[in-house]
Every structure is written in structure tokens, then in C-alpha cells.
Amino acid sequence: MAISQRRNRTKRARTGKRIELTSRDFEIFRVLARYRYLPSTYIYAFVGGASETRFKERLGDLFHEGYLNRPAPQWELANCRHRPVVHEIGPGAMRALERQEIVEEPRTWLRASADRQFPHALMICQILASIEIATRLRPGLRFISWPEMLAKAPAETRDSAAPFRLPPTAASKEIVPDGLFGIEYFSNGSKAYRFFAVEADRGTMPIIRSNQDQTSCLGKLTAYRRFLSAHGQRTHLGVPTLLVLMVTTDCGRLGEILARLAHSPEVTSVFLFKATESSELSFPTTKLLFEGWERIGALPLQIDG
């Protein structure tokens, strides 16, 4: 009896197997149209199903037959063989969505060349997707995506070629957040809203530099503070407030950031900080929504209410 060989998960090997696309396949395609990169664990959290094992097998079929891609840079990451496989939408899935006239707006503005900064791009997707998934677990919360924010922004912003670029003020350079989103809170018949900018810190940027023209954590937060002081969140985004979430991948790094920025007049309570290990982000984490964020000079703040 011939023994079937396990398929290589890093290289596509078409079998000619006929794929009958299901409604859940289309949900997979839609999720990956929204998020550039997602591990299988996140896709399963969005789409669901009775068996996660069977779900992963289906992802394998969709990959090998050209519907999904598995970005090559993931195989260069530490412990990659022990992490959930990261997927992105492939040409077959894009054609399937086009045939059904299904259009999904991306949650991010990652460029086609995002592979060059793959770990950072993946982290951005994991942060935003974790928060979106967590909002679905709590009645009364609704995730507001960047396209929804943009649809209600001032006309000048909507017409911009790069509306996600926060314009410079007289005292600061322009800012390109890693992500923008909001949360709608419904309670006792009324709605409230908060809006957030996301900064994904992998420890590659210095916290403080003596040369202010060079990039640093403090330099970027200073630009945010000046943007907010000029009410840029209202004039550019059309939102009343904007909190800045900085997620770092190491608790030691977080402690160093808080200590180095503790006495800076540029840092205010609108800046929220949290550490989440890279390995923890391999799975959707609810701590980004349901656990407190550190602030300098203020008590921790939870963003779930």
C-alpha cells in the first residue's frame, strides 16, 4: 500500500484537486482581503468551524491550489516551524471575489512591498485583528475600521492620495500611524466612541535620540502631541479625540520606554503602552482590549469601556 506523503507547507504543490468553494471559503478570502497577513489561528477565530484541524487542512488545500499565499519571509523568523502558518490572499481568491463582485476594504495601508518589513507588517495586522476579534466577544462593542473612519472624514482627507498620513504642524513633521481604528460603545440606549492610532514597536527604533531630526519613540510621540494640540484629529480625521496605543514585544523594553519617557513634557495621558510577546501574538489576544494599558503620570486605562 502506498503511503501518502505530508505536503510541504512552505512550497506550493498543486495536485489538480477540484476545489468546490464554500461560503466559509469566501469568508476566509474576505478576511484576508481586509488584513494583509494573518496566522491560521486568527483566520479560524474570524471564520470559525467545528474542527480547527480540518480548518487548517482546508487552508492547506486553498494554498496548494493557488487560492491563498504563504509569504516566504515567515520561514526566516525564529521558531517558524512551531508557529501557526501565516497566510495572505492569493490570485485565485482575488478572482473568486471579483466574480462574485465582493469588495472588501483593507484595514491597513500596507504596500505591495510589505514583505520587506514582514515582521513589522505582520505585527500591525495581529494587533488590529486581535482587537477586532475581542470586540466580537463583548456585547455592546463594535470595531470601527479605518475605511469606516475615512468615510466620515472631511472631504479634503477623503480626496487625499494618502489620507492616513497625519499632516505636519508648524512644529512637527507628518506622522504615518501603523494603524487607525475606533470602537463604538453601546450602553443603556446610547452610543459613545473612542478612536485610536496604533504604533507597533519591535525594539528596532531608539527610545530617545540626541539628534531630534532622527527617528525615535519620543520623537514620534512628540509629533503626535503637537498634532493633537493643533486639533488635527478633528480637522484631518473628523474625530473628537485620538488615543495613541504603543505595543512593544518585550516587557523589559516597555519598562525602559516608561522610565526614559517618565519626565518628558511631550508625553501625556493620551499615550498608552503595553507589552505583548511576539509568540503571544501568534494567537488572537484579548489582553489588548480587556486589560489595562500603562500611562505615564496616570492610572492604567482599559479601552473596552
C-alpha atoms as a PDB file:
ATOM      1  CA  MET A   1       0.000   0.000   0.000  1.00  0.00           C
ATOM      2  CA  ALA A   2       1.384   3.403  -0.930  1.00  0.00           C
ATOM      3  CA  ILE A   3       1.890   5.784   1.959  1.00  0.00           C
ATOM      4  CA  SER A   4       0.751   9.341   1.264  1.00  0.00           C
ATOM      5  CA  GLN A   5       3.378  11.941   1.961  1.00  0.00           C
ATOM      6  CA  ARG A   6       2.681  15.022   4.028  1.00  0.00           C
ATOM      7  CA  ARG A   7       2.641  18.117   1.842  1.00  0.00           C
ATOM      8  CA  ASN A   8       5.374  20.699   2.225  1.00  0.00           C
ATOM      9  CA  ARG A   9       3.808  23.661   3.932  1.00  0.00           C
ATOM     10  CA  THR A  10       6.385  26.128   2.571  1.00  0.00           C
ATOM     11  CA  LYS A  11       6.090  25.357  -1.147  1.00  0.00           C
ATOM     12  CA  ARG A  12       3.001  25.106  -3.303  1.00  0.00           C
ATOM     13  CA  ALA A  13       2.424  21.678  -4.840  1.00  0.00           C
ATOM     14  CA  ARG A  14      -0.694  21.561  -6.977  1.00  0.00           C
ATOM     15  CA  THR A  15      -2.499  18.241  -7.058  1.00  0.00           C
ATOM     16  CA  GLY A  16      -5.143  19.189  -9.593  1.00  0.00           C
ATOM     17  CA  LYS A  17      -7.712  18.647  -6.876  1.00  0.00           C
ATOM     18  CA  ARG A  18     -11.010  20.273  -7.804  1.00  0.00           C
ATOM     19  CA  ILE A  19     -11.937  22.877  -5.212  1.00  0.00           C
ATOM     20  CA  GLU A  20     -15.646  23.476  -4.692  1.00  0.00           C
ATOM     21  CA  LEU A  21     -15.673  26.836  -2.967  1.00  0.00           C
ATOM     22  CA  THR A  22     -17.949  27.086   0.066  1.00  0.00           C
ATOM     23  CA  SER A  23     -19.417  30.069   1.868  1.00  0.00           C
ATOM     24  CA  ARG A  24     -16.755  29.625   4.549  1.00  0.00           C
ATOM     25  CA  ASP A  25     -14.017  29.731   1.894  1.00  0.00           C
ATOM     26  CA  PHE A  26     -15.382  33.083   0.795  1.00  0.00           C
ATOM     27  CA  GLU A  27     -15.309  34.272   4.411  1.00  0.00           C
ATOM     28  CA  ILE A  28     -11.632  33.275   4.535  1.00  0.00           C
ATOM     29  CA  PHE A  29     -10.984  35.259   1.364  1.00  0.00           C
ATOM     30  CA  ARG A  30     -12.807  38.288   2.753  1.00  0.00           C
ATOM     31  CA  VAL A  31     -10.831  38.231   5.995  1.00  0.00           C
ATOM     32  CA  LEU A  32      -7.544  38.098   4.093  1.00  0.00           C
ATOM     33  CA  ALA A  33      -8.709  40.896   1.793  1.00  0.00           C
ATOM     34  CA  ARG A  34      -9.114  43.020   4.934  1.00  0.00           C
ATOM     35  CA  TYR A  35      -5.845  42.015   6.597  1.00  0.00           C
ATOM     36  CA  ARG A  36      -2.677  41.662   4.530  1.00  0.00           C
ATOM     37  CA  TYR A  37      -1.210  38.895   6.715  1.00  0.00           C
ATOM     38  CA  LEU A  38      -2.870  36.621   9.275  1.00  0.00           C
ATOM     39  CA  PRO A  39      -1.840  33.385  11.004  1.00  0.00           C
ATOM     40  CA  SER A  40      -4.248  30.462  10.659  1.00  0.00           C
ATOM     41  CA  THR A  41      -5.299  30.959  14.297  1.00  0.00           C
ATOM     42  CA  TYR A  42      -6.681  34.412  13.508  1.00  0.00           C
ATOM     43  CA  ILE A  43      -8.479  33.281  10.381  1.00  0.00           C
ATOM     44  CA  TYR A  44     -10.119  30.495  12.378  1.00  0.00           C
ATOM     45  CA  ALA A  45     -11.151  32.974  15.100  1.00  0.00           C
ATOM     46  CA  PHE A  46     -12.873  35.123  12.463  1.00  0.00           C
ATOM     47  CA  VAL A  47     -14.470  32.307  10.465  1.00  0.00           C
ATOM     48  CA  GLY A  48     -14.969  29.515  12.995  1.00  0.00           C
ATOM     49  CA  GLY A  49     -15.910  25.887  12.438  1.00  0.00           C
ATOM     50  CA  ALA A  50     -16.360  22.635  14.326  1.00  0.00           C
ATOM     51  CA  SER A  51     -12.778  21.396  13.888  1.00  0.00           C
ATOM     52  CA  GLU A  52      -9.685  23.607  13.833  1.00  0.00           C
ATOM     53  CA  THR A  53      -7.661  20.686  12.470  1.00  0.00           C
ATOM     54  CA  ARG A  54      -9.976  20.283   9.483  1.00  0.00           C
ATOM     55  CA  PHE A  55      -9.908  24.055   9.056  1.00  0.00           C
ATOM     56  CA  LYS A  56      -6.109  24.045   8.762  1.00  0.00           C
ATOM     57  CA  GLU A  57      -6.335  21.218   6.242  1.00  0.00           C
ATOM     58  CA  ARG A  58      -8.719  23.338   4.181  1.00  0.00           C
ATOM     59  CA  LEU A  59      -6.277  26.245   4.314  1.00  0.00           C
ATOM     60  CA  GLY A  60      -3.660  23.816   3.011  1.00  0.00           C
ATOM     61  CA  ASP A  61      -5.884  22.859   0.082  1.00  0.00           C
ATOM     62  CA  LEU A  62      -6.548  26.518  -0.723  1.00  0.00           C
ATOM     63  CA  PHE A  63      -2.831  27.285  -0.575  1.00  0.00           C
ATOM     64  CA  HIS A  64      -1.660  24.401  -2.745  1.00  0.00           C
ATOM     65  CA  GLU A  65      -4.320  25.079  -5.375  1.00  0.00           C
ATOM     66  CA  GLY A  66      -3.399  28.772  -5.664  1.00  0.00           C
ATOM     67  CA  TYR A  67      -6.205  30.495  -3.772  1.00  0.00           C
ATOM     68  CA  LEU A  68      -4.032  31.604  -0.843  1.00  0.00           C
ATOM     69  CA  ASN A  69      -0.374  32.510  -0.447  1.00  0.00           C
ATOM     70  CA  ARG A  70       2.015  31.783   2.406  1.00  0.00           C
ATOM     71  CA  PRO A  71       4.510  34.680   2.490  1.00  0.00           C
ATOM     72  CA  ALA A  72       8.075  33.378   2.263  1.00  0.00           C
ATOM     73  CA  PRO A  73       9.625  35.766   4.864  1.00  0.00           C
ATOM     74  CA  GLN A  74       7.796  33.928   7.667  1.00  0.00           C
ATOM     75  CA  TRP A  75      10.129  30.940   7.262  1.00  0.00           C
ATOM     76  CA  GLU A  76      13.032  33.167   8.288  1.00  0.00           C
ATOM     77  CA  LEU A  77      11.504  34.019  11.689  1.00  0.00           C
ATOM     78  CA  ALA A  78      12.715  32.323  14.868  1.00  0.00           C
ATOM     79  CA  ASN A  79      10.747  29.163  15.737  1.00  0.00           C
ATOM     80  CA  CYS A  80       8.830  29.493  12.473  1.00  0.00           C
ATOM     81  CA  ARG A  81       8.203  25.745  12.292  1.00  0.00           C
ATOM     82  CA  HIS A  82       6.382  25.882  15.608  1.00  0.00           C
ATOM     83  CA  ARG A  83       4.219  28.902  14.834  1.00  0.00           C
ATOM     84  CA  PRO A  84       0.839  28.964  13.100  1.00  0.00           C
ATOM     85  CA  VAL A  85       1.272  29.410   9.355  1.00  0.00           C
ATOM     86  CA  VAL A  86       0.740  32.964   8.103  1.00  0.00           C
ATOM     87  CA  HIS A  87      -1.460  33.400   5.027  1.00  0.00           C
ATOM     88  CA  GLU A  88      -2.304  36.172   2.606  1.00  0.00           C
ATOM     89  CA  ILE A  89      -4.848  36.351  -0.160  1.00  0.00           C
ATOM     90  CA  GLY A  90      -3.732  34.761  -3.430  1.00  0.00           C
ATOM     91  CA  PRO A  91      -4.683  35.297  -7.070  1.00  0.00           C
ATOM     92  CA  GLY A  92      -7.258  32.507  -7.051  1.00  0.00           C
ATOM     93  CA  ALA A  93      -9.124  34.030  -4.115  1.00  0.00           C
ATOM     94  CA  MET A  94      -8.986  37.514  -5.624  1.00  0.00           C
ATOM     95  CA  ARG A  95     -10.509  36.209  -8.862  1.00  0.00           C
ATOM     96  CA  ALA A  96     -13.205  34.382  -6.900  1.00  0.00           C
ATOM     97  CA  LEU A  97     -14.158  37.570  -5.038  1.00  0.00           C
ATOM     98  CA  GLU A  98     -14.194  39.556  -8.273  1.00  0.00           C
ATOM     99  CA  ARG A  99     -16.506  37.036  -9.925  1.00  0.00           C
ATOM    100  CA  GLN A 100     -18.915  37.408  -7.011  1.00  0.00           C
ATOM    101  CA  GLU A 101     -18.470  41.209  -7.086  1.00  0.00           C
ATOM    102  CA  ILE A 102     -17.368  41.141  -3.444  1.00  0.00           C
ATOM    103  CA  VAL A 103     -15.293  44.142  -2.398  1.00  0.00           C
ATOM    104  CA  GLU A 104     -13.509  44.342   0.955  1.00  0.00           C
ATOM    105  CA  GLU A 105     -11.665  47.444   2.120  1.00  0.00           C
ATOM    106  CA  PRO A 106      -8.254  46.779   3.729  1.00  0.00           C
ATOM    107  CA  ARG A 107      -7.890  47.543   7.429  1.00  0.00           C
ATOM    108  CA  THR A 108      -4.331  48.753   6.801  1.00  0.00           C
ATOM    109  CA  TRP A 109      -2.393  50.634   4.146  1.00  0.00           C
ATOM    110  CA  LEU A 110       0.472  48.164   3.856  1.00  0.00           C
ATOM    111  CA  ARG A 111       2.115  48.417   0.466  1.00  0.00           C
ATOM    112  CA  ALA A 112       2.656  45.617  -2.007  1.00  0.00           C
ATOM    113  CA  SER A 113       6.306  45.655  -0.882  1.00  0.00           C
ATOM    114  CA  ALA A 114       5.363  44.921   2.746  1.00  0.00           C
ATOM    115  CA  ASP A 115       7.380  41.684   2.554  1.00  0.00           C
ATOM    116  CA  ARG A 116      10.481  43.830   3.056  1.00  0.00           C
ATOM    117  CA  GLN A 117       9.278  44.705   6.558  1.00  0.00           C
ATOM    118  CA  PHE A 118       7.359  41.482   7.076  1.00  0.00           C
ATOM    119  CA  PRO A 119       7.692  41.094  10.895  1.00  0.00           C
ATOM    120  CA  HIS A 120       6.505  44.670  11.444  1.00  0.00           C
ATOM    121  CA  ALA A 121       3.674  44.390   8.907  1.00  0.00           C
ATOM    122  CA  LEU A 122       2.533  41.102  10.454  1.00  0.00           C
ATOM    123  CA  MET A 123       2.561  42.639  13.941  1.00  0.00           C
ATOM    124  CA  ILE A 124       0.351  45.507  12.772  1.00  0.00           C
ATOM    125  CA  CYS A 125      -2.205  43.034  11.379  1.00  0.00           C
ATOM    126  CA  GLN A 126      -2.092  40.924  14.549  1.00  0.00           C
ATOM    127  CA  ILE A 127      -2.700  43.927  16.810  1.00  0.00           C
ATOM    128  CA  LEU A 128      -5.663  45.237  14.833  1.00  0.00           C
ATOM    129  CA  ALA A 129      -7.174  41.781  14.253  1.00  0.00           C
ATOM    130  CA  SER A 130      -6.815  40.849  17.944  1.00  0.00           C
ATOM    131  CA  ILE A 131      -8.755  43.949  18.954  1.00  0.00           C
ATOM    132  CA  GLU A 132     -11.420  43.380  16.293  1.00  0.00           C
ATOM    133  CA  ILE A 133     -11.858  39.752  17.354  1.00  0.00           C
ATOM    134  CA  ALA A 134     -12.043  40.745  21.035  1.00  0.00           C
ATOM    135  CA  THR A 135     -14.794  43.316  20.373  1.00  0.00           C
ATOM    136  CA  ARG A 136     -16.921  40.493  18.998  1.00  0.00           C
ATOM    137  CA  LEU A 137     -16.734  38.753  22.370  1.00  0.00           C
ATOM    138  CA  ARG A 138     -18.200  41.659  24.325  1.00  0.00           C
ATOM    139  CA  PRO A 139     -21.821  42.733  23.722  1.00  0.00           C
ATOM    140  CA  GLY A 140     -22.138  46.457  23.215  1.00  0.00           C
ATOM    141  CA  LEU A 141     -18.786  46.872  21.459  1.00  0.00           C
ATOM    142  CA  ARG A 142     -18.242  47.342  17.730  1.00  0.00           C
ATOM    143  CA  PHE A 143     -14.920  47.649  15.915  1.00  0.00           C
ATOM    144  CA  ILE A 144     -14.734  50.671  13.601  1.00  0.00           C
ATOM    145  CA  SER A 145     -12.314  50.019  10.759  1.00  0.00           C
ATOM    146  CA  TRP A 146     -10.102  52.587   9.056  1.00  0.00           C
ATOM    147  CA  PRO A 147     -12.282  52.652   5.885  1.00  0.00           C
ATOM    148  CA  GLU A 148     -15.329  53.459   8.049  1.00  0.00           C
ATOM    149  CA  MET A 149     -13.402  56.261   9.751  1.00  0.00           C
ATOM    150  CA  LEU A 150     -12.269  57.606   6.399  1.00  0.00           C
ATOM    151  CA  ALA A 151     -15.817  57.606   5.008  1.00  0.00           C
ATOM    152  CA  LYS A 152     -16.785  60.181   7.660  1.00  0.00           C
ATOM    153  CA  ALA A 153     -13.599  62.244   7.498  1.00  0.00           C
ATOM    154  CA  PRO A 154     -13.525  65.735   5.949  1.00  0.00           C
ATOM    155  CA  ALA A 155     -13.713  65.822   2.152  1.00  0.00           C
ATOM    156  CA  GLU A 156     -10.128  67.047   1.812  1.00  0.00           C
ATOM    157  CA  THR A 157      -8.908  63.973   3.696  1.00  0.00           C
ATOM    158  CA  ARG A 158     -11.119  61.581   1.715  1.00  0.00           C
ATOM    159  CA  ASP A 159      -9.777  63.030  -1.535  1.00  0.00           C
ATOM    160  CA  SER A 160      -6.143  62.746  -0.448  1.00  0.00           C
ATOM    161  CA  ALA A 161      -3.876  60.197  -2.140  1.00  0.00           C
ATOM    162  CA  ALA A 162      -2.616  59.158   1.302  1.00  0.00           C
ATOM    163  CA  PRO A 163      -5.342  60.089   3.810  1.00  0.00           C
ATOM    164  CA  PHE A 164      -3.707  58.026   6.567  1.00  0.00           C
ATOM    165  CA  ARG A 165      -0.763  60.438   6.668  1.00  0.00           C
ATOM    166  CA  LEU A 166      -1.401  62.856   9.516  1.00  0.00           C
ATOM    167  CA  PRO A 167      -0.290  66.257   8.210  1.00  0.00           C
ATOM    168  CA  PRO A 168       2.579  68.200   9.800  1.00  0.00           C
ATOM    169  CA  THR A 169       2.003  71.127  12.115  1.00  0.00           C
ATOM    170  CA  ALA A 170       4.114  74.248  12.378  1.00  0.00           C
ATOM    171  CA  ALA A 171       6.247  72.464  14.974  1.00  0.00           C
ATOM    172  CA  SER A 172       6.315  68.842  13.815  1.00  0.00           C
ATOM    173  CA  LYS A 173       6.689  66.519  10.855  1.00  0.00           C
ATOM    174  CA  GLU A 174       3.899  64.441   9.339  1.00  0.00           C
ATOM    175  CA  ILE A 175       3.039  61.154  11.021  1.00  0.00           C
ATOM    176  CA  VAL A 176       2.179  57.834   9.404  1.00  0.00           C
ATOM    177  CA  PRO A 177       0.497  55.683  12.093  1.00  0.00           C
ATOM    178  CA  ASP A 178       0.856  51.925  11.812  1.00  0.00           C
ATOM    179  CA  GLY A 179      -2.911  51.682  12.112  1.00  0.00           C
ATOM    180  CA  LEU A 180      -6.078  53.670  12.843  1.00  0.00           C
ATOM    181  CA  PHE A 181      -9.359  52.324  14.204  1.00  0.00           C
ATOM    182  CA  GLY A 182     -12.233  53.123  16.549  1.00  0.00           C
ATOM    183  CA  ILE A 183     -14.562  51.398  18.969  1.00  0.00           C
ATOM    184  CA  GLU A 184     -18.272  52.076  19.366  1.00  0.00           C
ATOM    185  CA  TYR A 185     -19.633  51.530  22.887  1.00  0.00           C
ATOM    186  CA  PHE A 186     -23.391  50.903  23.209  1.00  0.00           C
ATOM    187  CA  SER A 187     -24.894  51.003  26.690  1.00  0.00           C
ATOM    188  CA  ASN A 188     -28.295  51.935  28.128  1.00  0.00           C
ATOM    189  CA  GLY A 189     -29.586  53.014  24.751  1.00  0.00           C
ATOM    190  CA  SER A 190     -26.753  55.435  23.976  1.00  0.00           C
ATOM    191  CA  LYS A 191     -23.526  55.258  21.977  1.00  0.00           C
ATOM    192  CA  ALA A 192     -20.058  56.572  22.697  1.00  0.00           C
ATOM    193  CA  TYR A 193     -16.882  56.413  20.660  1.00  0.00           C
ATOM    194  CA  ARG A 194     -13.127  56.325  21.025  1.00  0.00           C
ATOM    195  CA  PHE A 195     -10.578  56.452  18.234  1.00  0.00           C
ATOM    196  CA  PHE A 196      -7.023  55.157  18.263  1.00  0.00           C
ATOM    197  CA  ALA A 197      -3.713  55.315  16.433  1.00  0.00           C
ATOM    198  CA  VAL A 198      -1.513  52.201  16.682  1.00  0.00           C
ATOM    199  CA  GLU A 199       2.273  52.066  16.883  1.00  0.00           C
ATOM    200  CA  ALA A 200       3.865  48.598  16.684  1.00  0.00           C
ATOM    201  CA  ASP A 201       7.293  48.670  18.344  1.00  0.00           C
ATOM    202  CA  ARG A 202       9.638  45.725  17.703  1.00  0.00           C
ATOM    203  CA  GLY A 203      12.555  47.310  19.543  1.00  0.00           C
ATOM    204  CA  THR A 204      14.325  48.496  16.388  1.00  0.00           C
ATOM    205  CA  MET A 205      13.754  52.224  16.983  1.00  0.00           C
ATOM    206  CA  PRO A 206      15.749  54.072  19.676  1.00  0.00           C
ATOM    207  CA  ILE A 207      13.624  55.416  22.519  1.00  0.00           C
ATOM    208  CA  ILE A 208      15.384  58.794  22.595  1.00  0.00           C
ATOM    209  CA  ARG A 209      17.984  60.371  20.294  1.00  0.00           C
ATOM    210  CA  SER A 210      20.176  63.395  20.883  1.00  0.00           C
ATOM    211  CA  ASN A 211      19.590  64.394  17.251  1.00  0.00           C
ATOM    212  CA  GLN A 212      15.910  65.327  17.052  1.00  0.00           C
ATOM    213  CA  ASP A 213      15.934  65.001  13.258  1.00  0.00           C
ATOM    214  CA  GLN A 214      16.459  61.241  13.597  1.00  0.00           C
ATOM    215  CA  THR A 215      13.522  58.922  14.314  1.00  0.00           C
ATOM    216  CA  SER A 216      12.854  57.777  17.873  1.00  0.00           C
ATOM    217  CA  CYS A 217       9.912  56.741  20.061  1.00  0.00           C
ATOM    218  CA  LEU A 218       9.931  60.099  21.832  1.00  0.00           C
ATOM    219  CA  GLY A 219      10.218  61.933  18.521  1.00  0.00           C
ATOM    220  CA  LYS A 220       7.149  60.214  17.135  1.00  0.00           C
ATOM    221  CA  LEU A 221       5.137  60.769  20.319  1.00  0.00           C
ATOM    222  CA  THR A 222       6.183  64.429  20.273  1.00  0.00           C
ATOM    223  CA  ALA A 223       4.817  64.725  16.731  1.00  0.00           C
ATOM    224  CA  TYR A 224       1.549  63.134  17.875  1.00  0.00           C
ATOM    225  CA  ARG A 225       1.266  65.530  20.826  1.00  0.00           C
ATOM    226  CA  ARG A 226       1.734  68.547  18.596  1.00  0.00           C
ATOM    227  CA  PHE A 227      -0.698  67.178  16.022  1.00  0.00           C
ATOM    228  CA  LEU A 228      -3.307  66.711  18.751  1.00  0.00           C
ATOM    229  CA  SER A 229      -2.561  70.100  20.315  1.00  0.00           C
ATOM    230  CA  ALA A 230      -3.370  71.633  16.929  1.00  0.00           C
ATOM    231  CA  HIS A 231      -6.673  69.651  16.922  1.00  0.00           C
ATOM    232  CA  GLY A 232      -5.508  67.677  13.917  1.00  0.00           C
ATOM    233  CA  GLN A 233      -7.714  64.745  14.892  1.00  0.00           C
ATOM    234  CA  ARG A 234     -10.731  66.980  14.211  1.00  0.00           C
ATOM    235  CA  THR A 235      -9.544  68.834  11.139  1.00  0.00           C
ATOM    236  CA  HIS A 236      -7.960  65.845   9.375  1.00  0.00           C
ATOM    237  CA  LEU A 237      -9.820  62.784  10.661  1.00  0.00           C
ATOM    238  CA  GLY A 238     -13.079  64.331  11.839  1.00  0.00           C
ATOM    239  CA  VAL A 239     -12.951  62.610  15.247  1.00  0.00           C
ATOM    240  CA  PRO A 240     -13.144  64.339  18.645  1.00  0.00           C
ATOM    241  CA  THR A 241     -10.275  62.515  20.335  1.00  0.00           C
ATOM    242  CA  LEU A 242      -7.412  60.227  19.411  1.00  0.00           C
ATOM    243  CA  LEU A 243      -5.549  57.938  21.806  1.00  0.00           C
ATOM    244  CA  VAL A 244      -2.163  56.544  20.765  1.00  0.00           C
ATOM    245  CA  LEU A 245      -1.512  52.853  21.518  1.00  0.00           C
ATOM    246  CA  MET A 246       2.116  51.732  21.537  1.00  0.00           C
ATOM    247  CA  VAL A 247       2.561  47.951  21.607  1.00  0.00           C
ATOM    248  CA  THR A 248       6.039  46.567  22.211  1.00  0.00           C
ATOM    249  CA  THR A 249       7.149  42.945  22.118  1.00  0.00           C
ATOM    250  CA  ASP A 250       9.176  42.838  25.332  1.00  0.00           C
ATOM    251  CA  CYS A 251       8.322  43.646  28.963  1.00  0.00           C
ATOM    252  CA  GLY A 252      11.880  44.863  29.593  1.00  0.00           C
ATOM    253  CA  ARG A 253      11.614  47.173  26.607  1.00  0.00           C
ATOM    254  CA  LEU A 254       8.303  48.522  27.946  1.00  0.00           C
ATOM    255  CA  GLY A 255       9.884  49.268  31.322  1.00  0.00           C
ATOM    256  CA  GLU A 256      12.739  51.096  29.616  1.00  0.00           C
ATOM    257  CA  ILE A 257      10.317  53.136  27.498  1.00  0.00           C
ATOM    258  CA  LEU A 258       8.266  54.161  30.538  1.00  0.00           C
ATOM    259  CA  ALA A 259      11.364  55.035  32.560  1.00  0.00           C
ATOM    260  CA  ARG A 260      13.026  57.060  29.791  1.00  0.00           C
ATOM    261  CA  LEU A 261       9.842  58.984  28.962  1.00  0.00           C
ATOM    262  CA  ALA A 262       8.616  59.460  32.554  1.00  0.00           C
ATOM    263  CA  HIS A 263       9.791  63.060  32.872  1.00  0.00           C
ATOM    264  CA  SER A 264       9.269  64.220  29.321  1.00  0.00           C
ATOM    265  CA  PRO A 265       6.797  67.110  28.957  1.00  0.00           C
ATOM    266  CA  GLU A 266       5.992  65.761  25.486  1.00  0.00           C
ATOM    267  CA  VAL A 267       4.308  62.623  26.880  1.00  0.00           C
ATOM    268  CA  THR A 268       0.701  62.899  28.055  1.00  0.00           C
ATOM    269  CA  SER A 269      -2.023  60.549  29.269  1.00  0.00           C
ATOM    270  CA  VAL A 270      -3.306  60.085  25.684  1.00  0.00           C
ATOM    271  CA  PHE A 271      -0.305  57.783  25.114  1.00  0.00           C
ATOM    272  CA  LEU A 272      -0.996  54.186  26.185  1.00  0.00           C
ATOM    273  CA  PHE A 273       1.639  51.446  26.398  1.00  0.00           C
ATOM    274  CA  LYS A 274       1.512  47.644  26.520  1.00  0.00           C
ATOM    275  CA  ALA A 275       3.945  44.744  26.116  1.00  0.00           C
ATOM    276  CA  THR A 276       2.908  41.613  24.237  1.00  0.00           C
ATOM    277  CA  GLU A 277       5.449  38.920  23.355  1.00  0.00           C
ATOM    278  CA  SER A 278       5.793  38.017  19.674  1.00  0.00           C
ATOM    279  CA  SER A 279       4.941  34.393  20.455  1.00  0.00           C
ATOM    280  CA  GLU A 280       1.776  35.530  22.253  1.00  0.00           C
ATOM    281  CA  LEU A 281       0.703  37.420  19.143  1.00  0.00           C
ATOM    282  CA  SER A 282       0.730  34.160  17.176  1.00  0.00           C
ATOM    283  CA  PHE A 283      -2.776  33.747  18.587  1.00  0.00           C
ATOM    284  CA  PRO A 284      -5.539  36.348  18.930  1.00  0.00           C
ATOM    285  CA  THR A 285      -5.035  38.003  22.309  1.00  0.00           C
ATOM    286  CA  THR A 286      -7.858  39.664  24.219  1.00  0.00           C
ATOM    287  CA  LYS A 287      -5.463  41.464  26.589  1.00  0.00           C
ATOM    288  CA  LEU A 288      -5.144  44.359  24.147  1.00  0.00           C
ATOM    289  CA  LEU A 289      -8.813  45.155  24.723  1.00  0.00           C
ATOM    290  CA  PHE A 290      -9.667  43.756  28.148  1.00  0.00           C
ATOM    291  CA  GLU A 291      -6.529  44.537  30.188  1.00  0.00           C
ATOM    292  CA  GLY A 292      -5.264  47.944  31.254  1.00  0.00           C
ATOM    293  CA  TRP A 293      -2.752  49.972  29.268  1.00  0.00           C
ATOM    294  CA  GLU A 294       0.082  51.706  31.091  1.00  0.00           C
ATOM    295  CA  ARG A 295       0.183  55.512  31.084  1.00  0.00           C
ATOM    296  CA  ILE A 296       2.808  57.938  32.294  1.00  0.00           C
ATOM    297  CA  GLY A 297       1.539  60.094  35.152  1.00  0.00           C
ATOM    298  CA  ALA A 298      -1.906  58.457  35.207  1.00  0.00           C
ATOM    299  CA  LEU A 299      -3.577  55.210  36.204  1.00  0.00           C
ATOM    300  CA  PRO A 300      -3.763  52.363  33.650  1.00  0.00           C
ATOM    301  CA  LEU A 301      -6.668  52.607  31.224  1.00  0.00           C
ATOM    302  CA  GLN A 302      -8.780  49.846  29.712  1.00  0.00           C
ATOM    303  CA  ILE A 303     -10.154  50.622  26.275  1.00  0.00           C
ATOM    304  CA  ASP A 304     -13.129  48.254  26.409  1.00  0.00           C
ATOM    305  CA  GLY A 305     -15.440  50.751  28.091  1.00  0.00           C
END
